[in-house]
Amino acid sequence: MSNHTNTPEYSQLGKATAYADQYDPSLLFPIARRDKRNELGISAEPPFFGADLWTAFELSWLNLRGKPQVALAHITVPCETPNLVESKSFKLYLNSFNNTRFADASEVQARIRADISDAVWRGSERAATVGVKLLLPELFDREPVHELDGLLLDRLDIECTRYQPAPDLLRAQLNEPPVSEVLVSHLLKSNCLVTGQPDWGSVQIAYSGPQIDQESLLQYIVSFRNHNEFHEQCVERIFMDIRQQCKPIKLTVYARYTRRGGLDINPFRTSHPQALPRNIRTARQ
């Protein structure tokens, strides 16, 4: 059982908050992945690999002479970690660097790596470090904007009537030869589990196996529109629903959500080991 004080309702989401501007790792609020995975029928090891790719756009600290420094950060949290980090607590934590002096960017990077690693592995006998990459201003111009590759489902003129996740919409040609496709939609929208605020995203679904009916898949993606769940949980739900309903041989689900509070979260889940995608933002991010 997860500690009840680390469930979403105990986080800072939706509450008036005093913003700390002195370094404070205790602001990080881990939330156990287990409860939502149990809801999806994942009771043992998950049937997927992957990670949550975070981008922090609002990272700043002071150098030893008190001069502000800025950077972007890419943080990679493996999906094997027992916890995710609630995003508002992540924002508050990063804000706590604002008036704190550090020797250099590498010290900031090391602090973030140690603190996030502690939060996401907390309560587990296992432990590992998350990936943290800091990009200083001289590298900003090298940051590309690129949309997810694949055939765009949004071209289809479909009727949509369901706005809560409806896996029964999904259909596949189970009796025909397998195909390999990469399909993309920009119509993914869900809501924050606690506050109900909208979360906007694009999703890429790559698979090999029975051909998935594209109209039904797009209707299914749209069905998340009024659903309250964290980004990571939505992507795992999409993965598990497609896996159950369409019986793919291989499956990858990758979503990129627009940023909120200077943070974007981009969960990647795949049935087979492969390299993680580069953390390249889309135009809406």
Protein backbone atom coordinates (compact mmCIF):
# COMPACT_ATOMS: atom_id res chain seq x y z
CA MET A 1 0.00 0.00 0.00
CA SER A 2 1.23 3.48 -0.79
CA ASN A 3 1.50 6.08 1.93
CA HIS A 4 -1.81 7.98 1.90
CA THR A 5 0.01 11.27 2.46
CA ASN A 6 1.63 10.84 -0.94
CA THR A 7 -1.60 10.64 -2.88
CA PRO A 8 -2.59 13.53 -5.19
CA GLU A 9 -5.05 15.18 -2.80
CA TYR A 10 -2.21 15.81 -0.32
CA SER A 11 -0.06 17.61 -2.91
CA GLN A 12 0.09 21.37 -3.52
CA LEU A 13 -2.12 21.07 -6.61
CA GLY A 14 -4.99 23.54 -6.57
CA LYS A 15 -3.87 25.16 -3.32
CA ALA A 16 -2.53 28.62 -2.54
CA THR A 17 1.22 28.29 -2.31
CA ALA A 18 4.05 30.35 -0.86
CA TYR A 19 6.87 30.25 -3.38
CA ALA A 20 10.22 29.42 -1.81
CA ASP A 21 13.23 31.02 -3.49
CA GLN A 22 15.88 29.27 -1.42
CA TYR A 23 16.91 25.76 -2.38
CA ASP A 24 14.56 23.23 -0.78
CA PRO A 25 14.47 19.61 -2.02
CA SER A 26 11.73 18.76 0.49
CA LEU A 27 9.27 20.51 -1.86
CA LEU A 28 9.31 17.52 -4.22
CA PHE A 29 6.15 15.43 -3.87
CA PRO A 30 6.42 11.82 -5.13
CA ILE A 31 3.23 9.96 -6.03
CA ALA A 32 3.20 6.16 -6.24
CA ARG A 33 2.58 4.78 -9.72
CA ARG A 34 1.18 1.56 -8.22
CA ASP A 35 -2.39 2.65 -7.53
CA LYS A 36 -3.19 3.73 -11.08
CA ARG A 37 -1.34 0.75 -12.53
CA ASN A 38 -3.43 -1.57 -10.38
CA GLU A 39 -6.49 0.11 -11.86
CA LEU A 40 -5.18 -0.81 -15.33
CA GLY A 41 -4.61 -4.42 -14.34
CA ILE A 42 -0.85 -4.05 -13.98
CA SER A 43 -0.17 -5.87 -10.73
CA ALA A 44 3.38 -7.12 -11.31
CA GLU A 45 6.11 -5.88 -13.64
CA PRO A 46 4.63 -3.55 -16.28
CA PRO A 47 4.46 -4.96 -19.82
CA PHE A 48 6.36 -1.94 -21.14
CA PHE A 49 9.64 -0.08 -21.03
CA GLY A 50 10.18 3.65 -21.34
CA ALA A 51 10.53 6.90 -19.47
CA ASP A 52 8.95 10.26 -18.73
CA LEU A 53 10.84 13.00 -20.57
CA TRP A 54 10.55 16.34 -18.77
CA THR A 55 11.64 19.73 -20.04
CA ALA A 56 12.14 22.59 -17.58
CA PHE A 57 12.00 25.96 -19.32
CA GLU A 58 12.19 28.13 -16.19
CA LEU A 59 15.41 27.22 -14.40
CA SER A 60 17.54 29.93 -12.80
CA TRP A 61 20.01 30.33 -9.94
CA LEU A 62 22.70 32.75 -8.75
CA ASN A 63 26.41 32.33 -9.28
CA LEU A 64 28.81 32.90 -6.39
CA ARG A 65 28.84 36.64 -7.11
CA GLY A 66 25.03 36.81 -7.00
CA LYS A 67 24.52 37.14 -10.75
CA PRO A 68 21.48 35.27 -12.11
CA GLN A 69 22.07 32.34 -14.44
CA VAL A 70 19.49 30.62 -16.66
CA ALA A 71 19.29 27.24 -18.38
CA LEU A 72 16.92 24.69 -19.85
CA ALA A 73 16.87 21.22 -18.36
CA HIS A 74 15.96 17.84 -19.81
CA ILE A 75 15.12 15.30 -17.12
CA THR A 76 14.57 11.61 -17.92
CA VAL A 77 12.68 9.54 -15.33
CA PRO A 78 12.55 5.79 -16.08
CA CYS A 79 9.07 4.29 -15.97
CA GLU A 80 10.46 1.55 -13.68
CA THR A 81 10.61 4.02 -10.80
CA PRO A 82 7.94 3.36 -8.15
CA ASN A 83 6.99 7.05 -8.07
CA LEU A 84 6.36 9.94 -10.42
CA VAL A 85 6.88 13.53 -9.27
CA GLU A 86 3.79 15.71 -9.04
CA SER A 87 4.40 18.54 -11.50
CA LYS A 88 3.49 21.53 -9.30
CA SER A 89 5.89 20.30 -6.64
CA PHE A 90 8.55 19.99 -9.35
CA LYS A 91 7.90 23.62 -10.32
CA LEU A 92 8.10 24.79 -6.68
CA TYR A 93 11.33 22.84 -6.27
CA LEU A 94 12.91 24.45 -9.34
CA ASN A 95 11.77 27.89 -8.17
CA SER A 96 13.63 27.28 -4.92
CA PHE A 97 16.89 27.61 -6.88
CA ASN A 98 16.10 31.21 -7.87
CA ASN A 99 17.95 33.04 -5.08
CA THR A 100 20.40 30.32 -4.12
CA ARG A 101 24.08 30.57 -4.98
CA PHE A 102 25.81 27.68 -6.72
CA ALA A 103 29.38 27.38 -7.92
CA ASP A 104 28.43 26.48 -11.48
CA ALA A 105 25.88 24.71 -13.69
CA SER A 106 27.36 21.30 -12.95
CA GLU A 107 26.56 21.74 -9.25
CA VAL A 108 22.96 22.61 -10.13
CA GLN A 109 22.78 19.59 -12.43
CA ALA A 110 24.13 17.30 -9.70
CA ARG A 111 21.61 18.62 -7.14
CA ILE A 112 18.67 18.11 -9.49
CA ARG A 113 19.84 14.60 -10.38
CA ALA A 114 20.26 13.60 -6.73
CA ASP A 115 16.97 15.12 -5.54
CA ILE A 116 14.76 13.79 -8.35
CA SER A 117 16.40 10.38 -8.09
CA ASP A 118 15.64 10.28 -4.38
CA ALA A 119 12.01 11.27 -4.93
CA VAL A 120 11.18 8.83 -7.72
CA TRP A 121 12.90 5.83 -6.08
CA ARG A 122 11.68 6.60 -2.55
CA GLY A 123 10.28 3.58 -0.75
CA SER A 124 11.99 1.11 -3.07
CA GLU A 125 14.86 -1.25 -2.36
CA ARG A 126 16.15 -0.40 -5.82
CA ALA A 127 17.76 2.92 -6.61
CA ALA A 128 19.28 4.54 -9.67
CA THR A 129 19.87 8.02 -10.98
CA VAL A 130 17.64 9.89 -13.38
CA GLY A 131 19.07 11.59 -16.43
CA VAL A 132 19.61 15.35 -16.20
CA LYS A 133 20.99 17.52 -19.00
CA LEU A 134 21.38 21.30 -18.62
CA LEU A 135 21.43 23.52 -21.69
CA LEU A 136 23.02 26.92 -21.18
CA PRO A 137 22.02 29.97 -23.26
CA GLU A 138 24.79 29.53 -25.81
CA LEU A 139 23.06 26.28 -26.83
CA PHE A 140 19.48 27.59 -26.94
CA ASP A 141 19.63 28.23 -30.69
CA ARG A 142 20.30 24.54 -31.30
CA GLU A 143 17.00 23.47 -29.76
CA PRO A 144 14.81 22.31 -32.66
CA VAL A 145 11.02 22.36 -32.98
CA HIS A 146 9.65 19.28 -34.71
CA GLU A 147 6.26 17.61 -34.89
CA LEU A 148 5.83 13.90 -34.19
CA ASP A 149 6.42 11.84 -37.33
CA GLY A 150 3.65 9.63 -38.67
CA LEU A 151 0.40 9.51 -40.62
CA LEU A 152 -1.98 12.16 -39.26
CA LEU A 153 -5.24 10.69 -37.98
CA ASP A 154 -6.79 14.15 -37.63
CA ARG A 155 -7.41 14.26 -41.39
CA LEU A 156 -10.35 11.87 -40.87
CA ASP A 157 -13.86 13.37 -40.78
CA ILE A 158 -15.27 11.44 -37.84
CA GLU A 159 -18.21 11.85 -35.50
CA CYS A 160 -17.27 12.10 -31.83
CA THR A 161 -19.79 11.53 -29.06
CA ARG A 162 -17.79 10.03 -26.20
CA TYR A 163 -15.48 12.06 -23.98
CA GLN A 164 -14.44 9.54 -21.34
CA PRO A 165 -11.94 6.78 -22.20
CA ALA A 166 -13.77 4.20 -24.28
CA PRO A 167 -11.51 1.26 -25.16
CA ASP A 168 -14.48 -0.58 -26.67
CA LEU A 169 -14.23 1.84 -29.60
CA LEU A 170 -10.92 0.28 -30.69
CA ARG A 171 -11.05 -2.18 -33.57
CA ALA A 172 -8.37 -4.12 -35.47
CA GLN A 173 -8.30 -6.54 -38.39
CA LEU A 174 -7.40 -9.54 -36.25
CA ASN A 175 -7.82 -12.07 -39.09
CA GLU A 176 -5.68 -10.30 -41.70
CA PRO A 177 -1.88 -10.16 -42.24
CA PRO A 178 -0.01 -7.85 -39.85
CA VAL A 179 1.11 -4.35 -40.81
CA SER A 180 3.50 -1.77 -39.37
CA GLU A 181 2.30 1.83 -39.00
CA VAL A 182 3.09 5.07 -37.20
CA LEU A 183 -0.02 7.14 -36.48
CA VAL A 184 -0.21 10.63 -34.97
CA SER A 185 -2.93 12.86 -33.53
CA HIS A 186 -2.88 16.36 -32.07
CA LEU A 187 -6.35 15.92 -30.57
CA LEU A 188 -5.32 14.36 -27.27
CA LYS A 189 -6.70 16.32 -24.33
CA SER A 190 -7.14 15.23 -20.75
CA ASN A 191 -7.48 17.10 -17.47
CA CYS A 192 -5.38 17.32 -14.33
CA LEU A 193 -6.40 14.60 -11.88
CA VAL A 194 -6.77 17.10 -9.01
CA THR A 195 -7.54 20.55 -10.43
CA GLY A 196 -9.39 19.63 -13.62
CA GLN A 197 -7.28 22.06 -15.63
CA PRO A 198 -6.90 21.05 -19.29
CA ASP A 199 -3.80 19.22 -20.50
CA TRP A 200 -3.20 19.46 -24.25
CA GLY A 201 -1.08 16.94 -26.10
CA SER A 202 -0.06 15.18 -29.28
CA VAL A 203 0.31 11.42 -29.39
CA GLN A 204 2.25 9.05 -31.63
CA ILE A 205 1.29 5.38 -31.82
CA ALA A 206 3.69 3.02 -33.57
CA TYR A 207 2.81 -0.65 -33.87
CA SER A 208 3.26 -3.89 -35.76
CA GLY A 209 0.39 -6.36 -35.83
CA PRO A 210 -3.26 -6.51 -36.87
CA GLN A 211 -4.15 -3.26 -38.66
CA ILE A 212 -5.90 -0.85 -36.30
CA ASP A 213 -8.96 0.88 -37.67
CA GLN A 214 -7.88 4.51 -37.87
CA GLU A 215 -11.29 6.10 -37.38
CA SER A 216 -11.94 4.10 -34.24
CA LEU A 217 -8.46 4.93 -32.94
CA LEU A 218 -9.04 8.64 -33.42
CA GLN A 219 -12.42 8.42 -31.69
CA TYR A 220 -10.69 6.62 -28.82
CA ILE A 221 -8.02 9.33 -28.51
CA VAL A 222 -10.74 12.01 -28.47
CA SER A 223 -12.56 10.07 -25.74
CA PHE A 224 -9.93 11.24 -23.23
CA ARG A 225 -11.17 14.83 -23.59
CA ASN A 226 -13.01 15.02 -20.23
CA HIS A 227 -10.89 12.45 -18.39
CA ASN A 228 -9.02 13.44 -15.23
CA GLU A 229 -5.63 11.75 -14.97
CA PHE A 230 -1.95 12.66 -14.95
CA HIS A 231 -0.04 12.60 -18.26
CA GLU A 232 1.95 9.49 -17.36
CA GLN A 233 -1.20 7.62 -16.39
CA CYS A 234 -3.04 8.58 -19.60
CA VAL A 235 -0.25 7.23 -21.77
CA GLU A 236 -0.12 3.96 -19.84
CA ARG A 237 -3.91 3.67 -20.17
CA ILE A 238 -3.68 4.20 -23.94
CA PHE A 239 -0.91 1.59 -24.17
CA MET A 240 -2.82 -0.99 -22.15
CA ASP A 241 -6.12 -0.42 -23.96
CA ILE A 242 -4.55 -0.80 -27.41
CA ARG A 243 -2.59 -3.83 -26.22
CA GLN A 244 -5.75 -5.47 -24.91
CA GLN A 245 -8.15 -4.57 -27.72
CA CYS A 246 -5.93 -4.70 -30.81
CA LYS A 247 -3.35 -7.41 -29.93
CA PRO A 248 -0.29 -5.74 -31.53
CA ILE A 249 2.96 -7.69 -31.80
CA LYS A 250 4.90 -4.51 -30.97
CA LEU A 251 3.53 -1.25 -29.60
CA THR A 252 4.92 2.18 -28.71
CA VAL A 253 2.91 5.10 -27.36
CA TYR A 254 4.58 8.51 -27.05
CA ALA A 255 2.77 11.70 -26.01
CA ARG A 256 4.07 15.24 -25.84
CA TYR A 257 2.01 17.56 -23.66
CA THR A 258 2.13 21.34 -23.75
CA ARG A 259 4.00 22.95 -20.92
CA ARG A 260 2.39 24.32 -17.77
CA GLY A 261 4.29 26.32 -15.19
CA GLY A 262 7.42 26.11 -17.31
CA LEU A 263 7.38 22.28 -17.43
CA ASP A 264 6.34 19.83 -20.09
CA ILE A 265 5.96 16.07 -19.52
CA ASN A 266 6.35 13.61 -22.37
CA PRO A 267 5.72 9.96 -21.46
CA PHE A 268 7.11 7.22 -23.70
CA ARG A 269 6.02 3.57 -23.32
CA THR A 270 7.09 0.69 -25.54
CA SER A 271 6.61 -3.07 -25.56
CA HIS A 272 10.20 -3.76 -26.60
CA PRO A 273 13.55 -2.28 -25.55
CA GLN A 274 14.64 0.58 -27.77
CA ALA A 275 16.38 3.92 -27.54
CA LEU A 276 14.35 6.76 -26.09
CA PRO A 277 13.29 9.48 -28.55
CA ARG A 278 15.19 12.75 -28.48
CA ASN A 279 13.41 15.27 -26.26
CA ILE A 280 12.46 17.63 -29.13
CA ARG A 281 9.53 19.93 -28.47
CA THR A 282 6.57 20.40 -30.80
CA ALA A 283 5.34 23.82 -31.92
CA ARG A 284 2.59 23.90 -29.27
CA GLN A 285 5.05 23.22 -26.47
